[in-house]
Amino acid sequence: MPRKAQSALEYLFILAAVLILVTVTIRVIFSSVQSINSSVTQYVETIKNKLLETL
């Protein structure tokens, strides 16, 4: 295998690895944001109910 072809193949493997890492990172971030959003929504709902009880 010529050196140019080997370099191109190595570049493609590195690019694939980087794309996989970026995809996993984005999925983790979205999952975390959804979890935080759910927690905040639940907290706001609880506070709202407590306020309505005290009125």
C-alpha atoms as a PDB file:
ATOM      1  CA  MET A   1       0.000   0.000   0.000  1.00  0.00           C
ATOM      2  CA  PRO A   2       1.498   3.368  -1.006  1.00  0.00           C
ATOM      3  CA  ARG A   3       2.212   5.866   1.743  1.00  0.00           C
ATOM      4  CA  LYS A   4      -0.355   8.384   0.433  1.00  0.00           C
ATOM      5  CA  ALA A   5      -3.136   5.813   0.566  1.00  0.00           C
ATOM      6  CA  GLN A   6      -2.083   4.786   4.073  1.00  0.00           C
ATOM      7  CA  SER A   7      -2.095   8.428   5.207  1.00  0.00           C
ATOM      8  CA  ALA A   8      -5.547   8.951   3.700  1.00  0.00           C
ATOM      9  CA  LEU A   9      -6.836   5.825   5.438  1.00  0.00           C
ATOM     10  CA  GLU A  10      -5.373   6.922   8.779  1.00  0.00           C
ATOM     11  CA  TYR A  11      -6.949  10.349   8.304  1.00  0.00           C
ATOM     12  CA  LEU A  12     -10.352   8.758   7.653  1.00  0.00           C
ATOM     13  CA  PHE A  13     -10.071   6.584  10.781  1.00  0.00           C
ATOM     14  CA  ILE A  14      -9.148   9.619  12.875  1.00  0.00           C
ATOM     15  CA  LEU A  15     -12.023  11.592  11.363  1.00  0.00           C
ATOM     16  CA  ALA A  16     -14.439   8.751  12.131  1.00  0.00           C
ATOM     17  CA  ALA A  17     -13.201   8.563  15.726  1.00  0.00           C
ATOM     18  CA  VAL A  18     -13.601  12.317  16.161  1.00  0.00           C
ATOM     19  CA  LEU A  19     -17.124  12.230  14.731  1.00  0.00           C
ATOM     20  CA  ILE A  20     -18.070   9.393  17.086  1.00  0.00           C
ATOM     21  CA  LEU A  21     -16.693  11.316  20.077  1.00  0.00           C
ATOM     22  CA  VAL A  22     -18.544  14.486  19.048  1.00  0.00           C
ATOM     23  CA  THR A  23     -21.788  12.538  18.610  1.00  0.00           C
ATOM     24  CA  VAL A  24     -21.466  10.879  22.024  1.00  0.00           C
ATOM     25  CA  THR A  25     -20.644  14.229  23.647  1.00  0.00           C
ATOM     26  CA  ILE A  26     -23.660  15.922  22.063  1.00  0.00           C
ATOM     27  CA  ARG A  27     -25.947  13.079  23.183  1.00  0.00           C
ATOM     28  CA  VAL A  28     -24.646  13.310  26.754  1.00  0.00           C
ATOM     29  CA  ILE A  29     -25.150  17.088  26.767  1.00  0.00           C
ATOM     30  CA  PHE A  30     -28.718  16.793  25.447  1.00  0.00           C
ATOM     31  CA  SER A  31     -29.504  14.081  27.971  1.00  0.00           C
ATOM     32  CA  SER A  32     -28.159  16.246  30.792  1.00  0.00           C
ATOM     33  CA  VAL A  33     -30.128  19.274  29.612  1.00  0.00           C
ATOM     34  CA  GLN A  34     -33.328  17.219  29.469  1.00  0.00           C
ATOM     35  CA  SER A  35     -32.698  15.895  32.967  1.00  0.00           C
ATOM     36  CA  ILE A  36     -32.032  19.376  34.341  1.00  0.00           C
ATOM     37  CA  ASN A  37     -35.118  20.722  32.581  1.00  0.00           C
ATOM     38  CA  SER A  38     -37.242  17.957  34.097  1.00  0.00           C
ATOM     39  CA  SER A  39     -35.860  18.640  37.584  1.00  0.00           C
ATOM     40  CA  VAL A  40     -36.427  22.391  37.284  1.00  0.00           C
ATOM     41  CA  THR A  41     -39.969  21.863  36.010  1.00  0.00           C
ATOM     42  CA  GLN A  42     -40.735  19.546  38.915  1.00  0.00           C
ATOM     43  CA  TYR A  43     -39.225  22.019  41.401  1.00  0.00           C
ATOM     44  CA  VAL A  44     -41.244  24.928  39.981  1.00  0.00           C
ATOM     45  CA  GLU A  45     -44.407  22.826  40.134  1.00  0.00           C
ATOM     46  CA  THR A  46     -43.736  21.963  43.782  1.00  0.00           C
ATOM     47  CA  ILE A  47     -43.075  25.596  44.721  1.00  0.00           C
ATOM     48  CA  LYS A  48     -46.212  26.692  42.870  1.00  0.00           C
ATOM     49  CA  ASN A  49     -48.308  24.136  44.760  1.00  0.00           C
ATOM     50  CA  LYS A  50     -46.800  25.215  48.105  1.00  0.00           C
ATOM     51  CA  LEU A  51     -47.588  28.837  47.335  1.00  0.00           C
ATOM     52  CA  LEU A  52     -51.155  28.009  46.370  1.00  0.00           C
ATOM     53  CA  GLU A  53     -51.591  26.054  49.626  1.00  0.00           C
ATOM     54  CA  THR A  54     -50.497  29.005  51.719  1.00  0.00           C
ATOM     55  CA  LEU A  55     -52.930  31.438  50.087  1.00  0.00           C
END
